[in-house]
Amino acid sequence: MPACRCPNGFTGANCWKRVCDGYCKNGVPCTVNSGNQPNCRCPDGIDGERCQYRRENTVQLSLSVCV
């Protein structure tokens, strides 16, 4: 059975599936590296490998006591 060698950005038995389809979350664009792996570059306020977590604007309070 012949095997397909997919061009960069595609995967699957017949190379019909885009590597980035639905990979990055929160509207973040997806790029494909030279190893044909998806990559998401999260902007400030968004975290996670797939940019799936939004950080809330929080203020970190100091627990030290001033005397």
N, C-alpha and C. Protein backbone atom coordinates (compact mmCIF):
# COMPACT_ATOMS: atom_id res chain seq x y z
N MET A 1 0.85 -1.18 0.00
CA MET A 1 0.00 0.00 0.00
C MET A 1 0.89 1.24 0.00
N PRO A 2 0.71 2.14 -0.94
CA PRO A 2 1.54 3.34 -1.00
C PRO A 2 1.22 4.29 0.17
N ALA A 3 2.24 4.99 0.61
CA ALA A 3 2.07 5.96 1.69
C ALA A 3 2.29 7.36 1.13
N CYS A 4 1.51 8.29 1.62
CA CYS A 4 1.66 9.68 1.18
C CYS A 4 2.68 10.39 2.05
N ARG A 5 3.46 11.22 1.45
CA ARG A 5 4.36 12.10 2.19
C ARG A 5 3.75 13.49 2.08
N CYS A 6 3.18 13.93 3.18
CA CYS A 6 2.41 15.17 3.18
C CYS A 6 3.30 16.41 3.13
N PRO A 7 2.85 17.43 2.40
CA PRO A 7 3.57 18.70 2.43
C PRO A 7 3.40 19.35 3.80
N ASN A 8 4.30 20.25 4.14
CA ASN A 8 4.23 20.94 5.42
C ASN A 8 2.87 21.62 5.58
N GLY A 9 2.25 21.39 6.74
CA GLY A 9 0.95 21.99 7.02
C GLY A 9 -0.21 21.02 6.86
N PHE A 10 0.07 19.82 6.33
CA PHE A 10 -0.98 18.83 6.11
C PHE A 10 -0.60 17.50 6.75
N THR A 11 -1.61 16.70 7.08
CA THR A 11 -1.38 15.40 7.71
C THR A 11 -2.51 14.45 7.32
N GLY A 12 -2.43 13.21 7.75
CA GLY A 12 -3.47 12.23 7.47
C GLY A 12 -3.06 11.25 6.39
N ALA A 13 -3.84 10.19 6.25
CA ALA A 13 -3.52 9.13 5.29
C ALA A 13 -3.43 9.66 3.86
N ASN A 14 -4.26 10.64 3.51
CA ASN A 14 -4.26 11.20 2.16
C ASN A 14 -3.85 12.67 2.13
N CYS A 15 -3.27 13.14 3.23
CA CYS A 15 -2.80 14.53 3.35
C CYS A 15 -3.91 15.55 3.17
N TRP A 16 -5.11 15.22 3.53
CA TRP A 16 -6.24 16.13 3.36
C TRP A 16 -6.50 17.00 4.58
N LYS A 17 -5.96 16.63 5.74
CA LYS A 17 -6.23 17.37 6.98
C LYS A 17 -5.15 18.41 7.24
N ARG A 18 -5.58 19.64 7.49
CA ARG A 18 -4.63 20.70 7.84
C ARG A 18 -4.19 20.52 9.29
N VAL A 19 -2.90 20.61 9.53
CA VAL A 19 -2.33 20.44 10.86
C VAL A 19 -2.93 21.44 11.85
N CYS A 20 -3.19 22.64 11.41
CA CYS A 20 -3.67 23.70 12.30
C CYS A 20 -5.18 23.74 12.50
N ASP A 21 -5.95 22.94 11.78
CA ASP A 21 -7.41 23.02 11.90
C ASP A 21 -7.86 22.90 13.34
N GLY A 22 -8.40 23.99 13.90
CA GLY A 22 -8.94 23.98 15.25
C GLY A 22 -7.91 23.85 16.35
N TYR A 23 -6.63 23.99 16.04
CA TYR A 23 -5.60 23.75 17.05
C TYR A 23 -5.50 24.89 18.06
N CYS A 24 -5.26 26.11 17.62
CA CYS A 24 -5.13 27.24 18.54
C CYS A 24 -6.52 27.76 18.92
N LYS A 25 -6.66 28.17 20.15
CA LYS A 25 -7.94 28.65 20.67
C LYS A 25 -7.93 30.17 20.82
N ASN A 26 -9.09 30.72 21.14
CA ASN A 26 -9.26 32.16 21.40
C ASN A 26 -8.84 33.05 20.24
N GLY A 27 -9.02 32.55 19.02
CA GLY A 27 -8.73 33.37 17.84
C GLY A 27 -7.26 33.56 17.53
N VAL A 28 -6.40 32.81 18.20
CA VAL A 28 -4.95 32.94 17.99
C VAL A 28 -4.58 32.19 16.70
N PRO A 29 -3.80 32.82 15.81
CA PRO A 29 -3.40 32.12 14.58
C PRO A 29 -2.41 30.99 14.86
N CYS A 30 -2.45 30.00 14.00
CA CYS A 30 -1.58 28.83 14.12
C CYS A 30 -0.54 28.87 13.01
N THR A 31 0.69 28.51 13.35
CA THR A 31 1.74 28.34 12.36
C THR A 31 2.23 26.90 12.45
N VAL A 32 2.93 26.45 11.43
CA VAL A 32 3.46 25.09 11.39
C VAL A 32 4.97 25.16 11.32
N ASN A 33 5.65 24.44 12.22
CA ASN A 33 7.12 24.48 12.22
C ASN A 33 7.68 23.52 11.17
N SER A 34 8.99 23.49 11.03
CA SER A 34 9.63 22.66 10.01
C SER A 34 9.42 21.17 10.24
N GLY A 35 9.05 20.78 11.47
CA GLY A 35 8.75 19.38 11.77
C GLY A 35 7.27 19.05 11.57
N ASN A 36 6.53 19.97 10.94
CA ASN A 36 5.11 19.83 10.64
C ASN A 36 4.25 19.76 11.91
N GLN A 37 4.69 20.45 12.96
CA GLN A 37 3.94 20.51 14.21
C GLN A 37 3.28 21.89 14.35
N PRO A 38 2.03 21.94 14.85
CA PRO A 38 1.36 23.22 15.02
C PRO A 38 1.97 24.01 16.17
N ASN A 39 1.90 25.33 16.05
CA ASN A 39 2.46 26.20 17.07
C ASN A 39 1.54 27.41 17.23
N CYS A 40 1.22 27.73 18.48
CA CYS A 40 0.40 28.90 18.80
C CYS A 40 1.27 29.90 19.55
N ARG A 41 1.22 31.14 19.17
CA ARG A 41 1.95 32.19 19.89
C ARG A 41 0.91 33.04 20.61
N CYS A 42 0.77 32.79 21.91
CA CYS A 42 -0.26 33.45 22.71
C CYS A 42 0.09 34.90 22.99
N PRO A 43 -0.87 35.80 22.82
CA PRO A 43 -0.65 37.20 23.19
C PRO A 43 -0.75 37.36 24.71
N ASP A 44 -0.40 38.54 25.21
CA ASP A 44 -0.53 38.81 26.64
C ASP A 44 -1.97 38.57 27.07
N GLY A 45 -2.12 37.94 28.22
CA GLY A 45 -3.45 37.68 28.77
C GLY A 45 -4.01 36.32 28.41
N ILE A 46 -3.30 35.58 27.56
CA ILE A 46 -3.75 34.24 27.16
C ILE A 46 -2.58 33.28 27.35
N ASP A 47 -2.86 32.12 27.95
CA ASP A 47 -1.83 31.12 28.24
C ASP A 47 -2.25 29.74 27.75
N GLY A 48 -1.31 28.81 27.84
CA GLY A 48 -1.55 27.41 27.49
C GLY A 48 -0.89 27.06 26.17
N GLU A 49 -0.58 25.80 25.99
CA GLU A 49 0.07 25.33 24.76
C GLU A 49 -0.74 25.68 23.52
N ARG A 50 -2.07 25.66 23.68
CA ARG A 50 -2.96 25.96 22.56
C ARG A 50 -3.67 27.30 22.75
N CYS A 51 -3.16 28.13 23.69
CA CYS A 51 -3.75 29.44 24.01
C CYS A 51 -5.20 29.28 24.46
N GLN A 52 -5.44 28.25 25.23
CA GLN A 52 -6.80 27.93 25.65
C GLN A 52 -7.22 28.59 26.96
N TYR A 53 -6.30 29.22 27.67
CA TYR A 53 -6.64 29.82 28.96
C TYR A 53 -6.52 31.33 28.90
N ARG A 54 -7.58 32.01 29.31
CA ARG A 54 -7.56 33.47 29.42
C ARG A 54 -7.26 33.82 30.87
N ARG A 55 -6.29 34.71 31.07
CA ARG A 55 -5.98 35.18 32.41
C ARG A 55 -6.89 36.36 32.73
N GLU A 56 -7.41 36.36 33.92
CA GLU A 56 -8.22 37.48 34.38
C GLU A 56 -7.27 38.58 34.85
N ASN A 57 -7.71 39.80 34.74
CA ASN A 57 -6.93 40.92 35.27
C ASN A 57 -7.03 40.87 36.79
N THR A 58 -5.97 40.45 37.41
CA THR A 58 -5.97 40.33 38.86
C THR A 58 -4.87 41.19 39.44
N VAL A 59 -5.07 41.61 40.65
CA VAL A 59 -4.08 42.38 41.38
C VAL A 59 -3.54 41.48 42.47
N GLN A 60 -2.24 41.33 42.51
CA GLN A 60 -1.63 40.50 43.54
C GLN A 60 -1.37 41.37 44.76
N LEU A 61 -1.97 40.99 45.87
CA LEU A 61 -1.83 41.76 47.10
C LEU A 61 -0.67 41.24 47.92
N SER A 62 0.02 42.15 48.55
CA SER A 62 1.11 41.77 49.43
C SER A 62 0.55 41.36 50.78
N LEU A 63 1.08 40.30 51.33
CA LEU A 63 0.63 39.84 52.64
C LEU A 63 1.55 40.31 53.76
N SER A 64 2.51 41.16 53.44
CA SER A 64 3.42 41.64 54.47
C SER A 64 2.73 42.72 55.32
N VAL A 65 3.21 42.84 56.55
CA VAL A 65 2.65 43.82 57.48
C VAL A 65 3.67 44.92 57.70
N CYS A 66 3.24 46.15 57.55
CA CYS A 66 4.13 47.28 57.79
C CYS A 66 3.98 47.74 59.24
N VAL A 67 5.10 47.99 59.91
CA VAL A 67 5.05 48.48 61.30
C VAL A 67 5.82 49.76 61.44
